[in-house]
Amino acid sequence: MPSRAYAVTHGLGVGYEETFLEALEPALENLAKRKMKLAANAGTTATKELFQLVVDMVKEKGLDLRVAWVEGDVLSSVQVTHESDGTIKHDLVNISTGQNFRDWGHKPFFAQCYLGGMGIWKALEVGADIVICGRVADASPIVAAAAWWHAWERTDFDKLAKALMAGHLIECSTYVTGGNFTGFKSLDWSRINDLGYPIAEIASDGDVVITKPQGTGGIVSVETCKEQLLYEIQGTYYLNCDVTAVIDQVQFTEIGQDRVRMSGVRGQPPPSTTKVGLTAHGGYRSELHWALVGLDIEEKAKMLETQVRASYGDGLSKFSNFNFQLYGSVPHNPETQDAATIHLRIVAEAKDTDAFLPRNFSRPVFDIIMNTFPAATMTMRQPVVTPVSYQNLDA
């Protein structure tokens, strides 16, 4: 979302997910033939534009498909949250860090709230075949589809909660069928390039079974479901615009090959507020890399950091962030130079690009190359010497 927001607000690209069109185009005729419904949050930050492109694609193919789009997620008047001096008016607090937005130090250029599935639900009720959304919660299309299909009421919280958790389980596609799975070594490696996409079967009473297409790779098991359940949850109460799912008693039961039933989910009314993501220009970032080889890696890194910081002197004040990161490890008794080598990453951030002019950024590091630890090697092909813009996202 932040990268799309930056692109569309700075004239650097489109605000929707272009790969969605690539996936949709060959599937449209099958959608029409089988009378299937599709809801997708590919609109990102330019939902109406993507909607129009889909409408045009449907017309070109001469298909009888009705397309709708859901609005309301983009807060167009971000400036109203600011005083004349740029500080934030409202007493907003970051739910993760507790930091007040008055102290954030960044001026948002884009704001987007997380919607539920009610807009999708309504679009399906009035006959839409394809519903294009922007920022809805990842599970919301599944909640909406189940509620519409089974004609649930808005207050059927137990059923909605079960659909929400079904959506949560399949929202990351193959995460629940073997992707990102700690038991990956147990998979059939002859099929790891064809992990099946998950399917959530949701009954009218909210009963949920997670499965995948027959003949595809991967696995649906109690273990894959447990791992995905724990992804991005806040605790025993999973909050959504449509319902609050209480998951302290959730259980998974294998009922067949690649078929797992979920039970124990209860529902409560949704919270009175929703989450808002604010995107601001954070500044610019660049980095330099050194290779460290052999013994005493930590001492070598400490020596280099001490010398680099001294070489910069007062010039460090140009940077809002300047840190050193060792990554990799050396085995106890390495047999080759490659095995004995790890990297030190120097990462710097600043408000403007002047801080990254050669005299300000790379020169102070080059200057100490003959003075530091034995076998010091600064990689000549630096990955990101040219500073790149980055965005801060807070919610």
Protein backbone atom coordinates (compact mmCIF):
# COMPACT_ATOMS: atom_id res chain seq x y z
CA MET A 1 0.00 0.00 0.00
CA PRO A 2 2.68 2.61 0.87
CA SER A 3 4.57 2.02 -2.39
CA ARG A 4 1.37 2.29 -4.46
CA ALA A 5 0.31 5.38 -2.54
CA TYR A 6 3.68 7.00 -3.19
CA ALA A 7 3.57 6.09 -6.88
CA VAL A 8 0.07 7.44 -7.50
CA THR A 9 0.51 10.65 -5.48
CA HIS A 10 3.88 11.45 -7.06
CA GLY A 11 3.04 10.54 -10.66
CA LEU A 12 5.41 7.56 -10.69
CA GLY A 13 3.02 4.77 -11.64
CA VAL A 14 -0.42 3.30 -11.20
CA GLY A 15 -2.13 2.88 -7.86
CA TYR A 16 -3.73 -0.51 -8.52
CA GLU A 17 -2.21 -3.99 -8.69
CA GLU A 18 -1.32 -4.54 -12.35
CA THR A 19 -0.75 -8.28 -11.98
CA PHE A 20 -4.45 -8.67 -11.16
CA LEU A 21 -5.33 -7.80 -14.76
CA GLU A 22 -2.82 -10.36 -16.03
CA ALA A 23 -4.46 -13.05 -13.89
CA LEU A 24 -8.03 -11.96 -14.63
CA GLU A 25 -7.91 -11.71 -18.42
CA PRO A 26 -7.55 -15.45 -19.19
CA ALA A 27 -10.10 -16.35 -16.48
CA LEU A 28 -12.95 -14.04 -17.50
CA GLU A 29 -14.65 -16.39 -19.96
CA ASN A 30 -14.61 -19.20 -17.41
CA LEU A 31 -16.08 -16.90 -14.76
CA ALA A 32 -18.94 -16.02 -17.09
CA LYS A 33 -19.51 -19.62 -18.22
CA ARG A 34 -19.66 -21.03 -14.69
CA LYS A 35 -21.43 -17.98 -13.21
CA MET A 36 -18.73 -17.59 -10.57
CA LYS A 37 -18.37 -14.53 -8.36
CA LEU A 38 -15.07 -12.72 -7.79
CA ALA A 39 -14.14 -10.17 -5.13
CA ALA A 40 -10.59 -8.84 -5.00
CA ASN A 41 -8.79 -6.07 -3.14
CA ALA A 42 -6.49 -5.37 -6.08
CA GLY A 43 -7.66 -1.76 -6.37
CA THR A 44 -5.09 -0.86 -3.73
CA THR A 45 -5.07 2.96 -3.88
CA ALA A 46 -6.81 3.43 -7.26
CA THR A 47 -9.90 1.25 -7.09
CA LYS A 48 -12.07 3.22 -9.51
CA GLU A 49 -9.36 3.17 -12.18
CA LEU A 50 -9.01 -0.60 -11.91
CA PHE A 51 -12.79 -0.97 -11.97
CA GLN A 52 -12.95 0.89 -15.29
CA LEU A 53 -10.18 -1.24 -16.79
CA VAL A 54 -12.05 -4.40 -15.81
CA VAL A 55 -15.29 -3.02 -17.29
CA ASP A 56 -13.46 -2.31 -20.55
CA MET A 57 -11.93 -5.80 -20.58
CA VAL A 58 -15.35 -7.40 -20.06
CA LYS A 59 -16.87 -5.31 -22.88
CA GLU A 60 -14.04 -6.20 -25.28
CA LYS A 61 -14.74 -9.88 -24.71
CA GLY A 62 -18.50 -9.39 -25.08
CA LEU A 63 -19.22 -11.09 -21.76
CA ASP A 64 -22.33 -10.73 -19.63
CA LEU A 65 -20.62 -9.80 -16.35
CA ARG A 66 -21.57 -6.97 -14.01
CA VAL A 67 -18.68 -5.18 -12.33
CA ALA A 68 -18.83 -3.11 -9.14
CA TRP A 69 -16.31 -1.27 -7.02
CA VAL A 70 -16.21 -0.42 -3.32
CA GLU A 71 -15.15 3.03 -2.17
CA GLY A 72 -14.68 4.67 1.21
CA ASP A 73 -11.27 3.39 2.22
CA VAL A 74 -9.20 6.33 0.97
CA LEU A 75 -9.25 9.39 3.21
CA SER A 76 -8.90 12.15 0.65
CA SER A 77 -8.64 15.02 3.13
CA VAL A 78 -5.48 14.01 4.96
CA GLN A 79 -4.63 17.67 5.41
CA VAL A 80 -7.50 18.24 7.83
CA THR A 81 -5.57 16.26 10.44
CA HIS A 82 -2.93 18.97 10.57
CA GLU A 83 -2.51 22.35 12.16
CA SER A 84 -1.14 25.15 10.00
CA ASP A 85 2.39 24.31 11.13
CA GLY A 86 2.05 20.70 9.97
CA THR A 87 1.54 19.10 13.38
CA ILE A 88 -1.26 16.58 13.81
CA LYS A 89 -4.45 17.91 15.41
CA HIS A 90 -6.03 14.79 16.76
CA ASP A 91 -5.00 12.77 19.78
CA LEU A 92 -4.23 9.59 17.81
CA VAL A 93 -2.12 6.85 19.37
CA ASN A 94 -0.26 4.09 17.52
CA ILE A 95 -1.86 0.82 18.64
CA SER A 96 1.45 -1.05 18.47
CA THR A 97 3.96 1.40 19.95
CA GLY A 98 1.78 3.69 22.05
CA GLN A 99 3.41 6.70 20.38
CA ASN A 100 1.16 9.73 19.95
CA PHE A 101 0.95 10.87 16.35
CA ARG A 102 1.76 14.38 17.48
CA ASP A 103 5.26 13.03 18.08
CA TRP A 104 5.52 11.03 14.87
CA GLY A 105 7.59 13.66 13.07
CA HIS A 106 6.19 12.95 9.59
CA LYS A 107 3.45 14.62 7.57
CA PRO A 108 1.19 12.00 5.91
CA PHE A 109 0.49 12.36 2.20
CA PHE A 110 -1.91 9.42 2.05
CA ALA A 111 -4.31 7.76 4.48
CA GLN A 112 -6.37 4.64 4.00
CA CYS A 113 -8.65 2.81 6.41
CA TYR A 114 -9.25 -0.92 6.59
CA LEU A 115 -12.82 -1.72 5.57
CA GLY A 116 -14.81 -4.87 6.20
CA GLY A 117 -16.91 -6.89 3.79
CA MET A 118 -20.22 -5.02 3.92
CA GLY A 119 -19.62 -3.14 0.68
CA ILE A 120 -18.80 -6.38 -1.12
CA TRP A 121 -21.82 -8.04 0.47
CA LYS A 122 -24.10 -5.28 -0.84
CA ALA A 123 -22.56 -5.40 -4.31
CA LEU A 124 -23.21 -9.13 -4.53
CA GLU A 125 -26.78 -8.64 -3.31
CA VAL A 126 -27.53 -6.25 -6.17
CA GLY A 127 -26.12 -8.63 -8.76
CA ALA A 128 -22.43 -7.85 -9.18
CA ASP A 129 -20.30 -10.65 -10.62
CA ILE A 130 -16.93 -8.98 -10.04
CA VAL A 131 -16.30 -6.66 -7.10
CA ILE A 132 -13.14 -4.54 -7.06
CA CYS A 133 -11.98 -3.23 -3.68
CA GLY A 134 -9.15 -1.16 -2.33
CA ARG A 135 -8.06 -1.55 1.28
CA VAL A 136 -10.41 -4.08 2.79
CA ALA A 137 -9.15 -6.47 5.42
CA ASP A 138 -7.66 -9.50 3.69
CA ALA A 139 -10.36 -11.83 5.03
CA SER A 140 -13.26 -9.50 4.19
CA PRO A 141 -14.03 -10.85 0.70
CA ILE A 142 -14.52 -14.29 2.24
CA VAL A 143 -16.78 -12.92 4.99
CA ALA A 144 -18.86 -11.08 2.39
CA ALA A 145 -19.14 -14.05 0.03
CA ALA A 146 -20.31 -16.41 2.79
CA ALA A 147 -22.76 -13.90 4.26
CA TRP A 148 -24.26 -13.17 0.83
CA TRP A 149 -24.48 -16.80 -0.26
CA HIS A 150 -26.10 -18.00 2.97
CA ALA A 151 -28.26 -14.87 3.45
CA TRP A 152 -26.94 -14.30 6.95
CA GLU A 153 -28.01 -11.38 9.09
CA ARG A 154 -25.68 -8.56 10.05
CA THR A 155 -25.94 -9.74 13.68
CA ASP A 156 -25.09 -13.41 13.04
CA PHE A 157 -21.81 -12.85 14.83
CA ASP A 158 -20.91 -16.50 15.44
CA LYS A 159 -21.31 -17.31 11.75
CA LEU A 160 -19.52 -14.15 10.64
CA ALA A 161 -16.67 -14.89 13.04
CA LYS A 162 -16.23 -18.37 11.60
CA ALA A 163 -16.17 -16.93 8.08
CA LEU A 164 -13.66 -14.31 9.23
CA MET A 165 -11.29 -16.97 10.52
CA ALA A 166 -11.81 -19.03 7.37
CA GLY A 167 -10.76 -15.97 5.41
CA HIS A 168 -7.81 -15.46 7.73
CA LEU A 169 -6.66 -19.02 7.09
CA ILE A 170 -6.66 -18.69 3.29
CA GLU A 171 -5.82 -14.98 2.90
CA CYS A 172 -2.10 -15.66 2.38
CA SER A 173 -2.79 -18.22 -0.36
CA THR A 174 -0.33 -21.11 -0.01
CA TYR A 175 0.74 -20.28 3.54
CA VAL A 176 -1.91 -22.77 4.68
CA THR A 177 -0.99 -25.39 2.06
CA GLY A 178 2.73 -25.65 2.74
CA GLY A 179 4.21 -22.23 2.00
CA ASN A 180 6.11 -20.56 4.85
CA PHE A 181 5.62 -23.82 6.76
CA THR A 182 8.13 -24.83 9.45
CA GLY A 183 7.52 -28.44 8.48
CA PHE A 184 8.56 -27.78 4.88
CA LYS A 185 11.00 -30.72 4.90
CA SER A 186 8.05 -33.10 5.20
CA LEU A 187 6.48 -31.92 1.94
CA ASP A 188 6.58 -33.98 -1.24
CA TRP A 189 9.47 -32.17 -2.90
CA SER A 190 8.50 -33.42 -6.34
CA ARG A 191 5.49 -31.06 -6.10
CA ILE A 192 6.91 -28.03 -4.28
CA ASN A 193 6.62 -25.93 -7.45
CA ASP A 194 2.87 -26.56 -7.55
CA LEU A 195 1.50 -25.86 -4.07
CA GLY A 196 -2.28 -25.94 -4.28
CA TYR A 197 -4.25 -22.78 -3.56
CA PRO A 198 -6.45 -23.17 -0.49
CA ILE A 199 -10.22 -23.55 -0.48
CA ALA A 200 -12.49 -22.64 2.43
CA GLU A 201 -15.76 -24.57 2.47
CA ILE A 202 -18.19 -22.55 4.63
CA ALA A 203 -21.55 -24.12 5.50
CA SER A 204 -24.73 -22.20 6.27
CA ASP A 205 -24.17 -22.69 10.02
CA GLY A 206 -20.63 -21.32 9.67
CA ASP A 207 -18.90 -24.71 9.82
CA VAL A 208 -15.52 -24.40 8.09
CA VAL A 209 -13.35 -26.96 6.29
CA ILE A 210 -10.02 -25.95 4.76
CA THR A 211 -8.81 -27.96 1.76
CA LYS A 212 -7.11 -27.59 -1.63
CA PRO A 213 -7.68 -28.88 -5.18
CA GLN A 214 -6.99 -32.58 -5.66
CA GLY A 215 -3.80 -33.42 -7.48
CA THR A 216 -1.92 -30.29 -6.42
CA GLY A 217 1.24 -30.16 -4.35
CA GLY A 218 1.57 -29.10 -0.76
CA ILE A 219 -0.50 -30.18 2.20
CA VAL A 220 -3.42 -29.03 4.32
CA SER A 221 -2.90 -30.29 7.86
CA VAL A 222 -3.61 -29.38 11.45
CA GLU A 223 -0.07 -28.01 11.60
CA THR A 224 -0.36 -25.75 8.53
CA CYS A 225 -3.68 -24.41 9.83
CA LYS A 226 -2.27 -23.73 13.29
CA GLU A 227 0.67 -21.81 11.87
CA GLN A 228 -1.50 -19.65 9.65
CA LEU A 229 -3.97 -19.06 12.49
CA LEU A 230 -1.20 -17.40 14.49
CA TYR A 231 -0.23 -15.10 11.61
CA GLU A 232 -0.78 -11.42 12.49
CA ILE A 233 -3.31 -12.00 15.27
CA GLN A 234 -3.59 -9.55 18.17
CA GLY A 235 -4.39 -12.18 20.79
CA THR A 236 -7.52 -14.17 21.61
CA TYR A 237 -9.76 -11.49 20.08
CA TYR A 238 -9.37 -11.04 16.32
CA LEU A 239 -10.79 -7.65 15.37
CA ASN A 240 -12.49 -6.87 12.08
CA CYS A 241 -14.91 -4.20 10.86
CA ASP A 242 -17.70 -6.78 10.58
CA VAL A 243 -17.21 -8.90 13.68
CA THR A 244 -14.86 -9.74 16.54
CA ALA A 245 -13.76 -13.38 16.48
CA VAL A 246 -13.01 -14.98 19.86
CA ILE A 247 -10.40 -17.66 19.16
CA ASP A 248 -9.27 -18.86 22.59
CA GLN A 249 -11.07 -22.20 22.06
CA VAL A 250 -10.31 -22.76 18.37
CA GLN A 251 -9.50 -26.34 17.36
CA PHE A 252 -8.46 -28.09 14.15
CA THR A 253 -9.39 -31.66 13.28
CA GLU A 254 -8.17 -33.65 10.29
CA ILE A 255 -11.23 -35.25 8.66
CA GLY A 256 -9.58 -36.58 5.50
CA GLN A 257 -6.57 -36.16 3.27
CA ASP A 258 -5.91 -32.43 2.95
CA ARG A 259 -9.17 -31.66 4.75
CA VAL A 260 -9.15 -29.91 8.12
CA ARG A 261 -12.22 -28.76 10.05
CA MET A 262 -12.04 -25.65 12.23
CA SER A 263 -14.24 -25.40 15.33
CA GLY A 264 -14.52 -23.45 18.57
CA VAL A 265 -14.67 -19.94 17.08
CA ARG A 266 -17.21 -17.57 18.66
CA GLY A 267 -18.36 -14.15 17.56
CA GLN A 268 -18.96 -10.80 19.22
CA PRO A 269 -19.95 -7.39 17.82
CA PRO A 270 -17.23 -5.56 15.88
CA PRO A 271 -15.22 -2.75 17.48
CA SER A 272 -16.46 0.82 17.15
CA THR A 273 -13.32 1.92 15.32
CA THR A 274 -11.22 0.69 12.43
CA LYS A 275 -7.53 0.79 11.66
CA VAL A 276 -6.10 3.57 9.49
CA GLY A 277 -2.77 3.40 7.73
CA LEU A 278 -0.96 6.71 7.29
CA THR A 279 1.80 6.92 4.69
CA ALA A 280 4.46 9.62 4.90
CA HIS A 281 7.72 10.28 3.11
CA GLY A 282 10.37 9.03 5.52
CA GLY A 283 13.39 10.36 3.64
CA TYR A 284 16.16 8.55 1.78
CA ARG A 285 18.17 5.42 2.50
CA SER A 286 21.50 4.09 1.29
CA GLU A 287 23.98 1.44 2.36
CA LEU A 288 27.58 0.24 2.07
CA HIS A 289 28.91 -3.31 2.53
CA TRP A 290 32.16 -4.73 3.90
CA ALA A 291 33.36 -8.34 3.85
CA LEU A 292 34.83 -9.73 7.07
CA VAL A 293 36.75 -13.01 6.93
CA GLY A 294 38.39 -15.39 9.38
CA LEU A 295 38.69 -15.16 13.15
CA ASP A 296 37.49 -12.49 15.59
CA ILE A 297 34.59 -11.32 13.45
CA GLU A 298 32.85 -9.34 16.20
CA GLU A 299 36.08 -7.57 17.19
CA LYS A 300 36.76 -6.68 13.55
CA ALA A 301 33.25 -5.29 13.19
CA LYS A 302 33.67 -3.24 16.36
CA MET A 303 37.00 -1.84 15.13
CA LEU A 304 35.50 -0.88 11.79
CA GLU A 305 32.46 0.78 13.36
CA THR A 306 34.63 2.78 15.76
CA GLN A 307 36.84 4.01 12.92
CA VAL A 308 33.96 4.78 10.56
CA ARG A 309 32.10 6.81 13.17
CA ALA A 310 35.27 8.75 13.95
CA SER A 311 35.85 9.36 10.23
CA TYR A 312 32.39 10.89 9.88
CA GLY A 313 32.75 13.02 13.00
CA ASP A 314 30.12 15.76 13.07
CA GLY A 315 28.96 14.57 9.64
CA LEU A 316 26.87 11.91 11.37
CA SER A 317 24.44 14.65 12.35
CA LYS A 318 23.28 14.75 8.71
CA PHE A 319 21.68 11.32 9.17
CA SER A 320 18.50 10.46 11.04
CA ASN A 321 19.59 6.83 11.28
CA PHE A 322 23.06 5.32 10.96
CA ASN A 323 23.68 1.74 12.03
CA PHE A 324 25.90 -1.28 11.50
CA GLN A 325 24.51 -4.78 10.93
CA LEU A 326 26.42 -8.06 10.81
CA TYR A 327 24.62 -10.76 8.88
CA GLY A 328 25.62 -14.35 8.43
CA SER A 329 27.76 -16.60 10.62
CA VAL A 330 31.06 -18.42 10.31
CA PRO A 331 31.29 -22.15 11.15
CA HIS A 332 33.63 -23.22 13.93
CA ASN A 333 36.26 -24.56 11.56
CA PRO A 334 35.63 -23.22 8.04
CA GLU A 335 37.48 -24.98 5.23
CA THR A 336 37.18 -22.28 2.55
CA GLN A 337 37.39 -18.51 2.39
CA ASP A 338 33.77 -18.31 1.27
CA ALA A 339 32.66 -20.26 4.34
CA ALA A 340 34.74 -17.97 6.56
CA THR A 341 33.25 -14.74 5.19
CA ILE A 342 30.29 -12.73 6.41
CA HIS A 343 29.15 -9.20 5.64
CA LEU A 344 28.82 -5.96 7.56
CA ARG A 345 26.09 -3.66 6.31
CA ILE A 346 26.25 0.07 7.01
CA VAL A 347 22.76 1.56 6.61
CA ALA A 348 22.07 5.28 6.65
CA GLU A 349 18.88 7.32 6.41
CA ALA A 350 18.47 11.06 5.98
CA LYS A 351 15.81 13.64 5.20
CA ASP A 352 17.40 14.74 1.92
CA THR A 353 19.80 13.45 -0.73
CA ASP A 354 22.59 15.91 0.09
CA ALA A 355 23.60 13.68 2.98
CA PHE A 356 24.49 11.00 0.42
CA LEU A 357 26.80 13.04 -1.77
CA PRO A 358 30.12 11.15 -2.07
CA ARG A 359 31.94 13.59 0.20
CA ASN A 360 29.30 13.14 2.89
CA PHE A 361 28.58 9.42 2.72
CA SER A 362 31.00 7.13 0.88
CA ARG A 363 34.24 9.14 1.20
CA PRO A 364 34.50 8.93 5.02
CA VAL A 365 34.17 5.14 4.72
CA PHE A 366 36.72 4.85 1.91
CA ASP A 367 39.21 6.92 3.90
CA ILE A 368 39.75 4.29 6.59
CA ILE A 369 40.19 1.28 4.30
CA MET A 370 43.98 1.07 4.90
CA ASN A 371 43.68 1.64 8.65
CA THR A 372 41.35 -1.07 9.78
CA PHE A 373 41.36 -4.81 10.52
CA PRO A 374 43.35 -7.40 8.52
CA ALA A 375 41.85 -8.53 5.22
CA ALA A 376 39.27 -5.75 5.31
CA THR A 377 37.45 -5.71 1.98
CA MET A 378 34.90 -3.14 0.98
CA THR A 379 32.73 -4.60 -1.76
CA MET A 380 33.29 -2.47 -4.83
CA ARG A 381 29.87 -3.09 -6.31
CA GLN A 382 27.74 -1.51 -3.64
CA PRO A 383 24.04 -2.50 -3.74
CA VAL A 384 22.39 0.82 -2.89
CA VAL A 385 24.99 3.59 -2.86
CA THR A 386 22.53 5.84 -4.67
CA PRO A 387 19.96 6.87 -2.06
CA VAL A 388 16.43 5.66 -2.62
CA SER A 389 13.23 7.14 -1.26
CA TYR A 390 11.35 5.19 1.37
CA GLN A 391 7.97 5.58 3.05
CA ASN A 392 6.96 5.32 6.68
CA LEU A 393 3.70 3.54 7.42
CA ASP A 394 2.00 3.87 10.77
CA ALA A 395 -1.36 2.49 11.84
